[in-house]
Amino acid sequence: MKLGIKKDRGKAAGWGTNRVETGPMRGAPLPAPWRARLENILITEEQLARRVKMLAREIQRDFRGRELVVVSVLNGTVMFLADLLRHLDLPLRLDFIGVSSYGGSTESGELVFTKDVRVDVKGRDVLLVDDILDTGQTLSRVRSRLQSLSPRGIKSCVLLDKTSQRRVPVSVDYVGFAIPNVFVVGYGMDFDEQYRNLPFIGVLKPKPGGIAPPGAAASI
């Protein structure tokens, strides 16, 4: 399935940038060690590199001549963030914020902050970076937390967007890929703290009997 860029700047859709819609890459064979665990490669290493570079260009254009504070949500953003920052030729400061579901389960929907920002964002431009946007609950809570610190403005950048899972309306300014409702791993994203080191984004196989991995249907 080919990837196509769709231009959509409508406020109702919550987009502020071009987005790339993707489906299973049947032409990209899975490396042998992962064939028993993954269904397919959803986004290849090369596609990730191209798209991240494009996102960096958009961010560079929008923040040219301004100092930026980048706040990244732990832990799934680590690879995306590193690649994105390499392409940004801007004066910036970097900090991280940690969010987790209460008791280690996403089913309750109750979120707690495990790490707060230490960099002073008051009066500064903030770029909030996250790996995946699905229900919108996490991004909405983090934005509210940052907004309480009186920044000059906040823009959001996510690598992946599951639009079908949205429960909370949230605006996003930069989006890498719109993806279907599948459980993805790799490129920093995990299942049970595994698969983060994959250079591509893959779809995790369901358990025998068609049962999805725990937490797959309870994303936040």
C-alpha atoms as a PDB file:
ATOM      1  CA  MET A   1       0.000   0.000   0.000  1.00  0.00           C
ATOM      2  CA  LYS A   2       1.416   3.335  -1.000  1.00  0.00           C
ATOM      3  CA  LEU A   3       1.793   6.240   1.358  1.00  0.00           C
ATOM      4  CA  GLY A   4       0.097   9.469   0.373  1.00  0.00           C
ATOM      5  CA  ILE A   5       0.291  12.941   1.836  1.00  0.00           C
ATOM      6  CA  LYS A   6      -3.065  14.530   2.497  1.00  0.00           C
ATOM      7  CA  LYS A   7      -3.338  18.253   3.062  1.00  0.00           C
ATOM      8  CA  ASP A   8      -5.847  19.013   5.780  1.00  0.00           C
ATOM      9  CA  ARG A   9      -5.698  22.247   7.707  1.00  0.00           C
ATOM     10  CA  GLY A  10      -9.298  22.294   8.877  1.00  0.00           C
ATOM     11  CA  LYS A  11      -9.765  23.161  12.530  1.00  0.00           C
ATOM     12  CA  ALA A  12     -12.460  20.580  12.968  1.00  0.00           C
ATOM     13  CA  ALA A  13     -10.005  17.835  12.074  1.00  0.00           C
ATOM     14  CA  GLY A  14      -7.479  19.171  14.565  1.00  0.00           C
ATOM     15  CA  TRP A  15      -4.596  19.252  12.092  1.00  0.00           C
ATOM     16  CA  GLY A  16      -2.188  22.087  11.533  1.00  0.00           C
ATOM     17  CA  THR A  17       0.080  20.371   9.020  1.00  0.00           C
ATOM     18  CA  ASN A  18       0.220  17.841   6.225  1.00  0.00           C
ATOM     19  CA  ARG A  19      -0.166  14.256   7.315  1.00  0.00           C
ATOM     20  CA  VAL A  20       0.789  10.922   5.834  1.00  0.00           C
ATOM     21  CA  GLU A  21      -1.689   8.079   5.936  1.00  0.00           C
ATOM     22  CA  THR A  22      -0.229   4.620   5.999  1.00  0.00           C
ATOM     23  CA  GLY A  23      -1.202   0.976   5.833  1.00  0.00           C
ATOM     24  CA  PRO A  24       0.677  -2.339   6.094  1.00  0.00           C
ATOM     25  CA  MET A  25       3.841  -2.371   4.000  1.00  0.00           C
ATOM     26  CA  ARG A  26       3.469  -5.769   2.371  1.00  0.00           C
ATOM     27  CA  GLY A  27       6.508  -5.134   0.206  1.00  0.00           C
ATOM     28  CA  ALA A  28       8.772  -4.746   3.237  1.00  0.00           C
ATOM     29  CA  PRO A  29       9.661  -8.216   4.573  1.00  0.00           C
ATOM     30  CA  LEU A  30      10.054  -8.696   8.294  1.00  0.00           C
ATOM     31  CA  PRO A  31      13.540  -9.577   9.535  1.00  0.00           C
ATOM     32  CA  ALA A  32      13.639 -13.264  10.488  1.00  0.00           C
ATOM     33  CA  PRO A  33      13.983 -12.751  14.285  1.00  0.00           C
ATOM     34  CA  TRP A  34      10.653 -10.893  14.422  1.00  0.00           C
ATOM     35  CA  ARG A  35       8.408 -12.973  12.174  1.00  0.00           C
ATOM     36  CA  ALA A  36       6.957 -14.976  15.044  1.00  0.00           C
ATOM     37  CA  ARG A  37       6.004 -11.842  17.002  1.00  0.00           C
ATOM     38  CA  LEU A  38       5.004  -9.230  14.440  1.00  0.00           C
ATOM     39  CA  GLU A  39       2.302  -9.206  11.787  1.00  0.00           C
ATOM     40  CA  ASN A  40       4.056  -6.842   9.408  1.00  0.00           C
ATOM     41  CA  ILE A  41       6.066  -3.658   9.059  1.00  0.00           C
ATOM     42  CA  LEU A  42       3.718  -0.697   9.117  1.00  0.00           C
ATOM     43  CA  ILE A  43       6.331   2.027   8.535  1.00  0.00           C
ATOM     44  CA  THR A  44       9.850   1.314   7.330  1.00  0.00           C
ATOM     45  CA  GLU A  45      13.064   2.820   8.622  1.00  0.00           C
ATOM     46  CA  GLU A  46      13.463   4.793   5.394  1.00  0.00           C
ATOM     47  CA  GLN A  47       9.934   6.195   5.544  1.00  0.00           C
ATOM     48  CA  LEU A  48      10.466   7.259   9.146  1.00  0.00           C
ATOM     49  CA  ALA A  49      13.680   9.064   8.253  1.00  0.00           C
ATOM     50  CA  ARG A  50      12.063  10.945   5.360  1.00  0.00           C
ATOM     51  CA  ARG A  51       8.987  11.975   7.309  1.00  0.00           C
ATOM     52  CA  VAL A  52      10.887  13.097  10.416  1.00  0.00           C
ATOM     53  CA  LYS A  53      13.081  15.281   8.223  1.00  0.00           C
ATOM     54  CA  MET A  54       9.957  16.830   6.684  1.00  0.00           C
ATOM     55  CA  LEU A  55       8.487  17.531  10.121  1.00  0.00           C
ATOM     56  CA  ALA A  56      11.718  19.192  11.217  1.00  0.00           C
ATOM     57  CA  ARG A  57      11.572  21.479   8.185  1.00  0.00           C
ATOM     58  CA  GLU A  58       8.041  22.574   9.080  1.00  0.00           C
ATOM     59  CA  ILE A  59       9.028  23.215  12.701  1.00  0.00           C
ATOM     60  CA  GLN A  60      12.168  25.070  11.611  1.00  0.00           C
ATOM     61  CA  ARG A  61      10.084  27.303   9.359  1.00  0.00           C
ATOM     62  CA  ASP A  62       7.477  28.082  12.034  1.00  0.00           C
ATOM     63  CA  PHE A  63       9.951  28.852  14.826  1.00  0.00           C
ATOM     64  CA  ARG A  64      12.649  30.597  12.812  1.00  0.00           C
ATOM     65  CA  GLY A  65      14.257  33.399  14.806  1.00  0.00           C
ATOM     66  CA  ARG A  66      12.759  32.239  18.104  1.00  0.00           C
ATOM     67  CA  GLU A  67      14.107  30.265  21.039  1.00  0.00           C
ATOM     68  CA  LEU A  68      12.264  27.006  21.587  1.00  0.00           C
ATOM     69  CA  VAL A  69      11.640  24.773  24.595  1.00  0.00           C
ATOM     70  CA  VAL A  70      11.079  21.175  23.552  1.00  0.00           C
ATOM     71  CA  VAL A  71       9.160  19.084  26.086  1.00  0.00           C
ATOM     72  CA  SER A  72       9.032  15.379  25.275  1.00  0.00           C
ATOM     73  CA  VAL A  73       6.714  12.814  26.839  1.00  0.00           C
ATOM     74  CA  LEU A  74       8.574   9.807  28.262  1.00  0.00           C
ATOM     75  CA  ASN A  75       9.439   7.096  27.269  1.00  0.00           C
ATOM     76  CA  GLY A  76       8.233   6.192  23.787  1.00  0.00           C
ATOM     77  CA  THR A  77       9.470   9.387  22.119  1.00  0.00           C
ATOM     78  CA  VAL A  78      13.176   8.727  22.644  1.00  0.00           C
ATOM     79  CA  MET A  79      14.116   7.626  19.093  1.00  0.00           C
ATOM     80  CA  PHE A  80      11.702   9.998  17.362  1.00  0.00           C
ATOM     81  CA  LEU A  81      12.905  12.906  19.478  1.00  0.00           C
ATOM     82  CA  ALA A  82      16.595  12.206  18.847  1.00  0.00           C
ATOM     83  CA  ASP A  83      16.092  12.077  15.073  1.00  0.00           C
ATOM     84  CA  LEU A  84      13.884  15.163  15.079  1.00  0.00           C
ATOM     85  CA  LEU A  85      16.342  17.273  17.082  1.00  0.00           C
ATOM     86  CA  ARG A  86      19.216  16.353  14.771  1.00  0.00           C
ATOM     87  CA  HIS A  87      17.429  18.198  11.965  1.00  0.00           C
ATOM     88  CA  LEU A  88      16.558  21.325  13.961  1.00  0.00           C
ATOM     89  CA  ASP A  89      18.990  24.212  13.547  1.00  0.00           C
ATOM     90  CA  LEU A  90      17.380  26.340  16.233  1.00  0.00           C
ATOM     91  CA  PRO A  91      18.391  27.586  19.678  1.00  0.00           C
ATOM     92  CA  LEU A  92      16.438  25.326  22.009  1.00  0.00           C
ATOM     93  CA  ARG A  93      16.166  23.892  25.476  1.00  0.00           C
ATOM     94  CA  LEU A  94      15.080  20.330  26.170  1.00  0.00           C
ATOM     95  CA  ASP A  95      13.131  18.781  29.015  1.00  0.00           C
ATOM     96  CA  PHE A  96      10.959  15.738  29.627  1.00  0.00           C
ATOM     97  CA  ILE A  97       7.635  15.055  31.273  1.00  0.00           C
ATOM     98  CA  GLY A  98       6.453  11.667  32.489  1.00  0.00           C
ATOM     99  CA  VAL A  99       2.853  10.456  32.573  1.00  0.00           C
ATOM    100  CA  SER A 100       1.568   7.079  33.678  1.00  0.00           C
ATOM    101  CA  SER A 101      -1.787   5.470  34.343  1.00  0.00           C
ATOM    102  CA  TYR A 102      -2.606   4.938  38.003  1.00  0.00           C
ATOM    103  CA  GLY A 103      -1.608   1.487  39.237  1.00  0.00           C
ATOM    104  CA  GLY A 104       0.067   0.608  35.919  1.00  0.00           C
ATOM    105  CA  SER A 105      -3.201  -0.045  34.088  1.00  0.00           C
ATOM    106  CA  THR A 106      -4.594   2.112  31.314  1.00  0.00           C
ATOM    107  CA  GLU A 107      -8.127   0.876  31.869  1.00  0.00           C
ATOM    108  CA  SER A 108      -8.961   3.291  34.670  1.00  0.00           C
ATOM    109  CA  GLY A 109      -8.030   6.284  32.567  1.00  0.00           C
ATOM    110  CA  GLU A 110      -6.617   7.993  35.685  1.00  0.00           C
ATOM    111  CA  LEU A 111      -3.295   9.586  34.837  1.00  0.00           C
ATOM    112  CA  VAL A 112      -0.500  10.627  37.176  1.00  0.00           C
ATOM    113  CA  PHE A 113       2.592  12.668  36.432  1.00  0.00           C
ATOM    114  CA  THR A 114       5.789  10.758  37.208  1.00  0.00           C
ATOM    115  CA  LYS A 115       8.143  13.557  36.149  1.00  0.00           C
ATOM    116  CA  ASP A 116       7.561  17.268  35.768  1.00  0.00           C
ATOM    117  CA  VAL A 117       9.415  19.830  33.687  1.00  0.00           C
ATOM    118  CA  ARG A 118      12.283  21.693  35.329  1.00  0.00           C
ATOM    119  CA  VAL A 119      13.057  24.150  32.556  1.00  0.00           C
ATOM    120  CA  ASP A 120      11.296  27.475  32.981  1.00  0.00           C
ATOM    121  CA  VAL A 121       8.776  27.746  30.129  1.00  0.00           C
ATOM    122  CA  LYS A 122       7.136  30.994  31.241  1.00  0.00           C
ATOM    123  CA  GLY A 123       6.914  33.390  28.309  1.00  0.00           C
ATOM    124  CA  ARG A 124       8.632  30.909  25.975  1.00  0.00           C
ATOM    125  CA  ASP A 125       7.526  28.953  22.913  1.00  0.00           C
ATOM    126  CA  VAL A 126       6.994  25.273  23.722  1.00  0.00           C
ATOM    127  CA  LEU A 127       6.995  22.306  21.356  1.00  0.00           C
ATOM    128  CA  LEU A 128       5.341  19.292  22.984  1.00  0.00           C
ATOM    129  CA  VAL A 129       6.507  15.992  21.449  1.00  0.00           C
ATOM    130  CA  ASP A 130       4.745  12.646  21.845  1.00  0.00           C
ATOM    131  CA  ASP A 131       4.996   9.306  20.094  1.00  0.00           C
ATOM    132  CA  ILE A 132       1.353   8.402  19.509  1.00  0.00           C
ATOM    133  CA  LEU A 133      -1.992  10.170  19.799  1.00  0.00           C
ATOM    134  CA  ASP A 134      -5.053   7.984  20.225  1.00  0.00           C
ATOM    135  CA  THR A 135      -7.762   8.855  22.776  1.00  0.00           C
ATOM    136  CA  GLY A 136      -6.226  12.286  23.370  1.00  0.00           C
ATOM    137  CA  GLN A 137      -6.373  12.011  27.150  1.00  0.00           C
ATOM    138  CA  THR A 138      -2.617  12.078  27.738  1.00  0.00           C
ATOM    139  CA  LEU A 139      -1.870  14.930  25.342  1.00  0.00           C
ATOM    140  CA  SER A 140      -4.766  16.966  26.709  1.00  0.00           C
ATOM    141  CA  ARG A 141      -3.573  16.547  30.312  1.00  0.00           C
ATOM    142  CA  VAL A 142       0.027  17.367  29.467  1.00  0.00           C
ATOM    143  CA  ARG A 143      -0.963  20.457  27.488  1.00  0.00           C
ATOM    144  CA  SER A 144      -3.065  21.671  30.418  1.00  0.00           C
ATOM    145  CA  ARG A 145      -0.144  21.115  32.763  1.00  0.00           C
ATOM    146  CA  LEU A 146       2.200  23.110  30.551  1.00  0.00           C
ATOM    147  CA  GLN A 147      -0.386  25.837  29.958  1.00  0.00           C
ATOM    148  CA  SER A 148      -0.554  26.412  33.717  1.00  0.00           C
ATOM    149  CA  LEU A 149       3.128  27.416  33.569  1.00  0.00           C
ATOM    150  CA  SER A 150       2.286  30.430  31.346  1.00  0.00           C
ATOM    151  CA  PRO A 151       4.296  29.741  28.188  1.00  0.00           C
ATOM    152  CA  ARG A 152       4.111  32.146  25.254  1.00  0.00           C
ATOM    153  CA  GLY A 153       2.478  29.372  23.246  1.00  0.00           C
ATOM    154  CA  ILE A 154       2.354  25.585  22.855  1.00  0.00           C
ATOM    155  CA  LYS A 155       2.496  23.562  19.649  1.00  0.00           C
ATOM    156  CA  SER A 156       2.220  19.781  19.575  1.00  0.00           C
ATOM    157  CA  CYS A 157       4.073  17.253  17.445  1.00  0.00           C
ATOM    158  CA  VAL A 158       3.179  13.555  17.344  1.00  0.00           C
ATOM    159  CA  LEU A 159       4.706  10.819  15.258  1.00  0.00           C
ATOM    160  CA  LEU A 160       1.559   8.682  14.957  1.00  0.00           C
ATOM    161  CA  ASP A 161      -2.145   9.464  15.127  1.00  0.00           C
ATOM    162  CA  LYS A 162      -4.962   6.955  15.564  1.00  0.00           C
ATOM    163  CA  THR A 163      -7.854   9.222  14.665  1.00  0.00           C
ATOM    164  CA  SER A 164     -10.427   6.446  15.111  1.00  0.00           C
ATOM    165  CA  GLN A 165      -9.621   6.211  18.827  1.00  0.00           C
ATOM    166  CA  ARG A 166     -10.191   9.859  19.737  1.00  0.00           C
ATOM    167  CA  ARG A 167     -12.251  10.488  22.882  1.00  0.00           C
ATOM    168  CA  VAL A 168     -10.947  13.916  23.853  1.00  0.00           C
ATOM    169  CA  PRO A 169     -10.788  16.690  21.219  1.00  0.00           C
ATOM    170  CA  VAL A 170      -7.201  17.873  20.991  1.00  0.00           C
ATOM    171  CA  SER A 171      -5.409  20.038  18.449  1.00  0.00           C
ATOM    172  CA  VAL A 172      -2.157  18.819  16.886  1.00  0.00           C
ATOM    173  CA  ASP A 173       0.163  21.005  14.830  1.00  0.00           C
ATOM    174  CA  TYR A 174       2.610  18.473  13.393  1.00  0.00           C
ATOM    175  CA  VAL A 175       1.733  14.847  12.620  1.00  0.00           C
ATOM    176  CA  GLY A 176       3.976  12.208  11.124  1.00  0.00           C
ATOM    177  CA  PHE A 177       1.614   9.405  10.120  1.00  0.00           C
ATOM    178  CA  ALA A 178      -2.089   8.668  10.508  1.00  0.00           C
ATOM    179  CA  ILE A 179      -2.397   4.957  11.258  1.00  0.00           C
ATOM    180  CA  PRO A 180      -5.230   2.420  11.629  1.00  0.00           C
ATOM    181  CA  ASN A 181      -6.293   1.015  14.992  1.00  0.00           C
ATOM    182  CA  VAL A 182      -3.510  -1.548  15.414  1.00  0.00           C
ATOM    183  CA  PHE A 183      -1.061  -2.170  18.262  1.00  0.00           C
ATOM    184  CA  VAL A 184       2.295  -0.816  17.107  1.00  0.00           C
ATOM    185  CA  VAL A 185       5.789  -1.286  18.498  1.00  0.00           C
ATOM    186  CA  GLY A 186       9.292  -0.208  17.579  1.00  0.00           C
ATOM    187  CA  TYR A 187      11.123   3.074  17.040  1.00  0.00           C
ATOM    188  CA  GLY A 188      10.928   3.746  20.783  1.00  0.00           C
ATOM    189  CA  MET A 189       7.452   2.300  21.374  1.00  0.00           C
ATOM    190  CA  ASP A 190       7.063  -0.849  23.419  1.00  0.00           C
ATOM    191  CA  PHE A 191       4.926  -3.698  24.586  1.00  0.00           C
ATOM    192  CA  ASP A 192       5.873  -4.782  28.121  1.00  0.00           C
ATOM    193  CA  GLU A 193       9.121  -2.792  27.721  1.00  0.00           C
ATOM    194  CA  GLN A 194      10.162  -4.794  24.656  1.00  0.00           C
ATOM    195  CA  TYR A 195      10.625  -3.830  20.978  1.00  0.00           C
ATOM    196  CA  ARG A 196      11.728  -0.233  21.607  1.00  0.00           C
ATOM    197  CA  ASN A 197      14.980  -0.871  19.735  1.00  0.00           C
ATOM    198  CA  LEU A 198      13.362  -1.810  16.410  1.00  0.00           C
ATOM    199  CA  PRO A 199      14.399   0.664  13.680  1.00  0.00           C
ATOM    200  CA  PHE A 200      10.953   0.374  12.036  1.00  0.00           C
ATOM    201  CA  ILE A 201       7.363   0.446  13.301  1.00  0.00           C
ATOM    202  CA  GLY A 202       5.683  -2.939  13.277  1.00  0.00           C
ATOM    203  CA  VAL A 203       2.286  -4.366  14.141  1.00  0.00           C
ATOM    204  CA  LEU A 204       2.297  -6.780  17.066  1.00  0.00           C
ATOM    205  CA  LYS A 205       0.618 -10.120  16.474  1.00  0.00           C
ATOM    206  CA  PRO A 206      -2.477 -10.862  18.572  1.00  0.00           C
ATOM    207  CA  LYS A 207      -2.306 -13.686  21.060  1.00  0.00           C
ATOM    208  CA  PRO A 208      -3.569 -17.116  19.975  1.00  0.00           C
ATOM    209  CA  GLY A 209      -7.339 -17.033  19.627  1.00  0.00           C
ATOM    210  CA  GLY A 210      -7.316 -13.503  18.233  1.00  0.00           C
ATOM    211  CA  ILE A 211      -6.925 -11.859  21.627  1.00  0.00           C
ATOM    212  CA  ALA A 212      -5.130  -8.525  21.463  1.00  0.00           C
ATOM    213  CA  PRO A 213      -2.121  -7.872  23.710  1.00  0.00           C
ATOM    214  CA  PRO A 214      -3.055  -6.517  27.159  1.00  0.00           C
ATOM    215  CA  GLY A 215      -3.509  -2.772  26.913  1.00  0.00           C
ATOM    216  CA  ALA A 216      -3.901  -2.772  23.134  1.00  0.00           C
ATOM    217  CA  ALA A 217      -7.499  -1.569  23.328  1.00  0.00           C
ATOM    218  CA  ALA A 218      -6.922   0.684  26.319  1.00  0.00           C
ATOM    219  CA  SER A 219      -4.523   3.237  24.946  1.00  0.00           C
ATOM    220  CA  ILE A 220      -4.445   6.690  26.478  1.00  0.00           C
END
